[in-house]
Protein backbone atom coordinates (compact mmCIF):
# COMPACT_ATOMS: atom_id res chain seq x y z
CA MET A 1 18.54 -6.07 33.13
CA SER A 2 16.39 -4.68 35.41
CA ALA A 3 14.53 -1.39 35.23
CA GLY A 4 16.59 0.22 38.21
CA ARG A 5 20.17 -0.62 36.83
CA TRP A 6 18.74 0.87 33.55
CA LEU A 7 18.09 3.74 35.45
CA ALA A 8 21.06 3.79 36.93
CA LEU A 9 23.19 3.38 33.94
CA GLY A 10 21.29 6.58 32.38
CA ALA A 11 22.20 8.57 35.49
CA PHE A 12 25.84 7.65 35.24
CA THR A 13 26.25 8.11 31.27
CA GLY A 14 24.64 11.47 31.69
CA VAL A 15 27.45 12.77 34.42
CA ALA A 16 29.64 10.90 32.36
CA ALA A 17 29.16 12.82 29.27
CA VAL A 18 29.54 16.18 31.18
CA ALA A 19 32.70 14.99 32.95
CA ALA A 20 34.12 14.36 29.61
CA ALA A 21 33.43 17.32 27.86
CA LEU A 22 34.84 19.52 30.77
CA VAL A 23 37.83 16.87 30.09
CA SER A 24 37.90 18.17 26.71
CA GLN A 25 37.78 21.74 27.50
CA HIS A 26 39.57 22.33 30.74
CA VAL A 27 42.53 19.57 29.77
CA PHE A 28 42.29 19.97 25.86
CA GLY A 29 41.11 23.09 25.08
CA MET A 30 37.81 22.37 23.34
CA GLU A 31 36.30 25.59 24.54
CA PRO A 32 32.13 24.95 24.21
CA CYS A 33 29.58 27.29 22.36
CA PRO A 34 26.07 27.85 23.99
CA TRP A 35 24.96 24.60 22.59
CA CYS A 36 27.64 22.59 23.87
CA VAL A 37 26.62 24.14 27.04
CA LEU A 38 22.95 23.53 26.76
CA GLN A 39 23.48 20.19 26.14
CA ARG A 40 25.64 19.39 29.44
CA VAL A 41 22.42 21.35 31.01
CA ILE A 42 20.46 18.43 29.04
CA PHE A 43 22.48 15.78 30.16
CA LEU A 44 22.89 16.65 33.97
CA ALA A 45 18.91 16.88 33.94
CA LEU A 46 18.28 13.77 32.25
CA SER A 47 20.67 11.87 35.08
CA LEU A 48 18.90 13.78 37.78
CA ALA A 49 15.40 12.55 35.87
CA CYS A 50 17.03 8.91 35.73
CA LEU A 51 17.88 9.04 39.97
CA LEU A 52 14.16 10.10 40.44
CA GLY A 53 13.42 6.68 38.88
CA LEU A 54 15.64 5.13 41.39
CA VAL A 55 14.44 7.06 44.29
CA TRP A 56 10.44 6.40 43.30
CA ARG A 57 10.85 3.21 42.78
CA SER A 58 7.14 2.24 42.03
CA PRO A 59 6.31 1.22 38.36
CA LEU A 60 4.42 4.50 37.98
CA GLY A 61 7.37 6.59 39.44
CA ARG A 62 9.80 5.02 37.36
CA ARG A 63 7.27 5.39 34.02
CA VAL A 64 7.19 9.22 34.58
CA ALA A 65 10.97 9.31 35.14
CA ALA A 66 11.69 7.24 32.22
CA LEU A 67 9.08 9.80 29.99
CA LEU A 68 10.93 12.77 31.47
CA GLY A 69 13.84 11.54 30.51
CA LEU A 70 12.82 10.91 26.79
CA ALA A 71 11.69 14.03 26.51
CA LEU A 72 15.13 15.76 27.89
CA ALA A 73 16.76 12.97 25.25
CA GLY A 74 14.48 14.29 22.65
CA SER A 75 15.66 17.73 23.25
CA GLY A 76 19.07 16.26 23.16
CA ILE A 77 18.91 14.90 20.16
CA ALA A 78 17.43 18.37 18.68
CA ALA A 79 20.36 20.70 20.39
CA ALA A 80 22.87 18.39 18.81
CA TRP A 81 21.00 18.18 15.43
CA TRP A 82 20.65 21.90 15.12
CA GLN A 83 24.61 22.77 16.17
CA HIS A 84 25.52 19.95 13.56
CA THR A 85 23.15 21.70 11.02
CA VAL A 86 22.96 25.02 11.44
CA ALA A 87 24.76 26.61 14.13
CA SER A 88 28.15 25.01 13.48
CA ALA A 89 28.09 27.14 10.30
CA SER A 90 27.45 30.55 12.35
CA ALA A 91 30.15 32.43 13.62
CA SER A 92 27.87 33.85 16.57
CA CYS A 93 25.94 32.52 18.45
CA ASN A 94 24.81 34.99 20.77
CA LEU A 95 21.50 35.41 21.78
CA THR A 96 20.33 32.10 19.69
CA LEU A 97 17.71 29.80 21.64
CA ALA A 98 20.77 27.65 23.26
CA ASP A 99 22.07 31.21 24.65
CA ARG A 100 18.62 32.44 26.21
CA ILE A 101 18.16 29.32 27.78
CA VAL A 102 21.49 29.12 29.14
CA GLY A 103 21.36 32.70 30.54
CA ALA A 104 17.85 32.95 31.78
CA MET A 105 18.84 29.72 34.11
CA LYS A 106 22.11 31.73 35.51
CA LEU A 107 23.97 28.65 35.52
CA ASP A 108 26.23 30.64 33.65
CA SER A 109 27.05 32.89 36.29
CA LEU A 110 27.19 30.31 39.14
CA LEU A 111 29.26 27.70 37.66
CA PRO A 112 31.41 29.93 34.83
CA ASP A 113 33.84 26.72 34.39
CA VAL A 114 30.84 24.53 33.47
CA PHE A 115 28.33 26.35 32.32
CA SER A 116 29.71 29.22 30.33
CA ALA A 117 29.78 29.15 26.68
CA ARG A 118 33.09 30.59 25.42
CA ALA A 119 33.49 29.79 21.96
CA SER A 120 31.17 30.76 18.58
CA CYS A 121 29.64 27.62 17.16
CA MET A 122 31.99 27.70 14.54
CA ASP A 123 34.36 27.51 16.63
CA ALA A 124 33.55 24.68 18.64
CA ALA A 125 33.18 22.86 15.68
CA VAL A 126 35.92 19.92 16.31
CA ASP A 127 36.35 16.44 15.70
CA LEU A 128 37.00 13.63 18.07
CA PHE A 129 38.53 10.51 16.58
CA GLY A 130 37.16 11.70 13.20
CA LEU A 131 33.86 12.27 14.30
CA ARG A 132 32.21 15.80 15.11
CA TYR A 133 31.89 16.51 19.05
CA GLU A 134 28.45 17.13 18.72
CA LEU A 135 27.50 13.99 16.83
CA TRP A 136 28.80 12.18 19.76
CA SER A 137 26.56 13.87 22.14
CA LEU A 138 23.89 13.42 19.52
CA GLY A 139 24.52 9.71 19.22
CA LEU A 140 24.68 9.56 23.43
CA PHE A 141 21.26 10.84 23.50
CA VAL A 142 19.68 8.53 20.89
CA LEU A 143 21.08 5.53 23.42
CA LEU A 144 19.75 7.21 26.18
CA ALA A 145 16.21 7.50 24.98
CA LEU A 146 16.43 3.48 23.63
CA VAL A 147 17.17 2.72 27.42
CA LEU A 148 14.48 5.15 28.89
CA LEU A 149 12.24 3.81 26.17
CA ARG A 150 12.72 0.23 27.71
CA VAL A 151 12.15 1.23 31.09
CA ALA A 152 8.69 3.34 29.94
CA ALA A 153 7.79 0.29 28.59
CA ARG A 154 8.86 -2.35 31.52
CA PRO A 155 9.01 -0.15 34.34
CA GLY A 156 8.46 -3.22 36.65
CA ARG A 157 11.72 -5.07 35.54
């Protein structure tokens, strides 16, 4: 598959992940914690990085976009892992790094239905098909990192 198709897949996947989270929230009542919301932001930023690579069609542009996406995927992996190992055992997520980042971006006041944290990390720890929700997110970030690593290694193909 060409680098452009991989980037398109990455852009679509990030948006689809946020769409799935919104369906989980608004249809099934799975309210997000600050770490969940931060991962939504990272998925959307990763999609934008992939779109940058699609627009900036040169091998350099695609490599830059893929490396930016890799950094974002790494951030997502770290956020999901932190949520799973530390934050989900905490009754309060107030003033955590995730809460401060999302608050500083003012996204929670601009689009509260998408970016407003409405649950504690402990309350947001739910399973989806027997696997914790943040582990699904972690797996998706890992897959996106692998895709972007492939694009970074071969941006012209």
